Protein backbone atom coordinates (compact mmCIF):
# COMPACT_ATOMS: atom_id res chain seq x y z
CA LEU A 1 28.30 -30.72 -29.57
CA HIS A 2 30.63 -28.70 -27.42
CA ASP A 3 33.79 -30.06 -29.11
CA ARG A 4 32.25 -29.65 -32.59
CA PHE A 5 31.52 -25.84 -31.97
CA LYS A 6 34.93 -25.47 -30.50
CA GLU A 7 36.56 -26.72 -33.50
CA GLU A 8 34.21 -24.76 -36.03
CA GLY A 9 34.60 -21.52 -34.03
CA ALA A 10 38.35 -21.70 -33.96
CA ASP A 11 38.22 -22.08 -37.78
CA LEU A 12 35.74 -19.22 -38.07
CA MET A 13 37.89 -17.07 -35.79
CA LEU A 14 41.11 -17.66 -38.08
CA SER A 15 39.20 -16.92 -41.20
CA VAL A 16 37.84 -13.48 -39.73
CA ILE A 17 41.47 -12.75 -38.66
CA ASN A 18 42.78 -13.43 -42.00
CA GLN A 19 40.20 -11.31 -43.88
CA TRP A 20 40.36 -8.50 -41.10
CA ASP A 21 41.11 -5.78 -43.72
CA ALA A 22 37.90 -6.66 -45.60
CA PHE A 23 35.81 -6.40 -42.52
CA LYS A 24 37.29 -3.25 -41.47
CA ASP A 25 36.72 -1.48 -44.65
CA ALA A 26 33.14 -2.65 -44.57
CA ALA A 27 32.42 -0.07 -41.81
CA VAL A 28 30.07 2.70 -42.83
CA GLU A 29 29.98 6.12 -41.41
CA GLN A 30 26.82 7.35 -39.72
CA ALA A 31 24.75 9.60 -41.87
CA GLY A 32 23.74 12.97 -40.45
CA GLU A 33 24.72 14.78 -37.25
CA SER A 34 25.50 12.78 -34.26
CA THR A 35 23.66 13.60 -31.14
CA TYR A 36 25.07 13.37 -27.45
CA ALA A 37 22.84 11.37 -25.16
CA HIS A 38 22.98 12.91 -21.78
CA LYS A 39 23.24 10.75 -18.60
CA PHE A 40 19.94 10.16 -16.66
CA LYS A 41 19.41 12.12 -13.56
CA THR A 42 17.64 10.56 -10.83
CA GLU A 43 15.36 13.58 -10.31
CA ASN A 44 14.17 13.36 -13.93
CA LEU A 45 13.56 9.67 -14.13
CA PRO A 46 9.72 9.75 -13.14
CA ALA A 47 8.80 12.10 -15.85
CA LEU A 48 11.33 10.49 -18.39
CA ARG A 49 9.86 6.97 -17.73
CA LYS A 50 6.13 7.92 -17.91
CA ILE A 51 4.49 6.91 -21.06
CA GLU A 52 2.39 9.52 -22.40
CA PHE A 53 -0.18 7.92 -24.71
CA ALA A 54 -1.09 11.45 -26.08
CA LYS A 55 2.27 11.60 -27.98
CA PRO A 56 2.54 10.05 -31.46
CA ALA A 57 2.84 6.19 -31.56
CA ASP A 58 6.50 6.35 -33.04
CA GLU A 59 7.70 8.49 -30.16
CA ILE A 60 6.12 6.04 -27.61
CA HIS A 61 7.77 3.13 -29.46
CA ASN A 62 11.10 4.82 -29.40
CA GLN A 63 10.69 5.85 -25.74
CA ILE A 64 10.14 2.25 -24.87
CA ARG A 65 13.26 1.03 -26.95
CA GLY A 66 15.45 3.71 -25.60
CA LEU A 67 14.54 2.84 -21.80
CA SER A 68 14.38 -0.78 -21.97
CA PRO A 69 15.48 -2.54 -19.87
CA TRP A 70 16.45 0.08 -17.37
CA PRO A 71 15.09 2.41 -16.25
CA GLY A 72 12.02 1.15 -18.26
CA ALA A 73 9.05 2.99 -19.55
CA VAL A 74 6.01 2.78 -17.46
CA PHE A 75 2.17 3.48 -17.20
CA GLU A 76 -0.12 3.23 -14.41
CA HIS A 77 -3.32 1.15 -14.34
CA ASN A 78 -5.59 1.04 -11.18
CA GLY A 79 -2.67 2.20 -9.04
CA ASN A 80 -0.15 -0.55 -10.43
CA GLU A 81 2.90 0.65 -12.18
CA ILE A 82 3.50 -1.35 -15.34
CA LYS A 83 6.75 -1.43 -17.26
CA VAL A 84 6.88 -2.00 -20.92
CA LEU A 85 9.91 -3.64 -22.15
CA GLU A 86 8.99 -4.21 -25.77
CA SER A 87 6.61 -2.85 -28.33
CA THR A 88 5.73 -2.55 -31.99
CA LEU A 89 4.06 -0.24 -34.33
CA SER A 90 1.07 -0.80 -36.73
CA LYS A 91 -1.50 1.10 -38.63
CA LYS A 92 -4.96 0.78 -37.44
CA ALA A 93 -6.04 -0.41 -40.89
CA GLU A 94 -3.47 -3.18 -40.63
CA LEU A 95 -5.10 -4.90 -37.64
CA ASN A 96 -7.75 -7.29 -38.27
CA GLY A 97 -11.00 -6.97 -36.16
CA ILE A 98 -10.90 -3.26 -35.54
CA SER A 99 -13.72 -1.17 -36.79
CA LEU A 100 -12.55 1.88 -38.59
CA GLU A 101 -15.59 3.65 -37.75
CA LYS A 102 -14.91 3.50 -34.12
CA THR A 103 -12.66 6.09 -32.83
CA ALA A 104 -10.93 5.10 -29.66
CA LYS A 105 -9.79 7.43 -26.96
CA ILE A 106 -6.23 8.19 -26.36
CA CYS A 107 -4.97 5.53 -23.92
CA GLU A 108 -7.63 3.14 -24.77
CA ILE A 109 -7.04 -0.79 -25.47
CA VAL A 110 -8.32 -1.15 -28.85
CA LYS A 111 -7.39 -4.91 -29.49
CA ILE A 112 -5.67 -7.76 -27.54
CA ASP A 113 -4.15 -10.70 -29.34
CA ASN A 114 -1.81 -13.62 -28.43
CA GLU A 115 1.28 -11.51 -28.56
CA THR A 116 0.25 -7.83 -28.35
CA LEU A 117 -1.94 -5.31 -26.33
CA TRP A 118 -2.76 -2.57 -28.87
CA VAL A 119 -3.30 0.76 -27.40
CA GLN A 120 -4.45 4.13 -29.12
CA ALA A 121 -1.90 6.78 -29.12
CA LYS A 122 -2.18 10.36 -30.66
CA ASN A 123 -1.98 9.58 -34.32
CA ASP A 124 -2.18 5.68 -34.44
CA ILE A 125 -1.83 2.59 -32.27
CA VAL A 126 1.23 1.24 -30.24
CA GLY A 127 1.60 -2.52 -29.53
CA LEU A 128 2.79 -3.38 -26.30
CA LYS A 129 4.44 -6.89 -26.29
CA MET A 130 6.48 -7.55 -23.02
CA LEU A 131 5.00 -6.24 -19.62
CA GLN A 132 6.34 -6.33 -16.03
CA ARG A 133 4.30 -5.37 -12.83
CA SER A 134 6.37 -4.01 -9.85
CA GLY A 135 8.21 -6.80 -8.15
CA LYS A 136 7.27 -9.36 -10.70
CA ARG A 137 9.27 -10.69 -13.57
CA ALA A 138 8.89 -9.57 -17.23
CA MET A 139 6.32 -11.52 -19.25
CA PRO A 140 4.96 -11.58 -22.78
CA VAL A 141 1.51 -10.12 -22.96
CA ARG A 142 -0.32 -13.61 -23.11
CA GLU A 143 1.19 -14.65 -19.75
CA PHE A 144 0.75 -11.10 -18.27
CA LEU A 145 -2.94 -11.06 -18.93
CA LYS A 146 -3.48 -14.51 -17.25
CA GLY A 147 -2.51 -12.83 -13.93
CA TYR A 148 -3.51 -9.22 -14.66
CA PRO A 149 -6.86 -9.11 -16.79
CA LEU A 150 -7.10 -6.08 -19.04
CA GLN A 151 -10.08 -5.72 -21.60
CA VAL A 152 -10.62 -3.98 -24.76
CA GLY A 153 -12.01 -0.67 -24.18
CA GLU A 154 -10.17 -0.04 -20.89
CA VAL A 155 -8.23 3.23 -20.75
CA LEU A 156 -4.66 3.15 -19.37
CA TYR A 157 -3.25 6.03 -17.69
């Protein structure tokens, strides 16, 4: 298998080099203004990392994506710091099994499925997919919940 990939990889590399002008011309300029991302300062990290579920779900999702894997976005639950490494967004109406009449409190777990822990944010819900406790390895929600049980209706801070 290694030898086959070695040969095919060499052929692909030659075809890319021979068509380099076509690849170079395919680059697209970024639309809109560019922004400068300032370097993280150690004294600002605790406030920067803390997930505020009172924010809109898309802001929380972007915070998690932007801080993953280091320094990582975190929330606290019963004195344990839990880092969130992967998340997703969904409209409450798109999730099966959630009663639309029930209005969840901000930070409340509204649903747990095999892949995602759904938490109420300001305007919608955010799905937490990959979690890590301090001193432990990162795990998908299914594995995480085997060693750290969380229930629908619990509130995360």
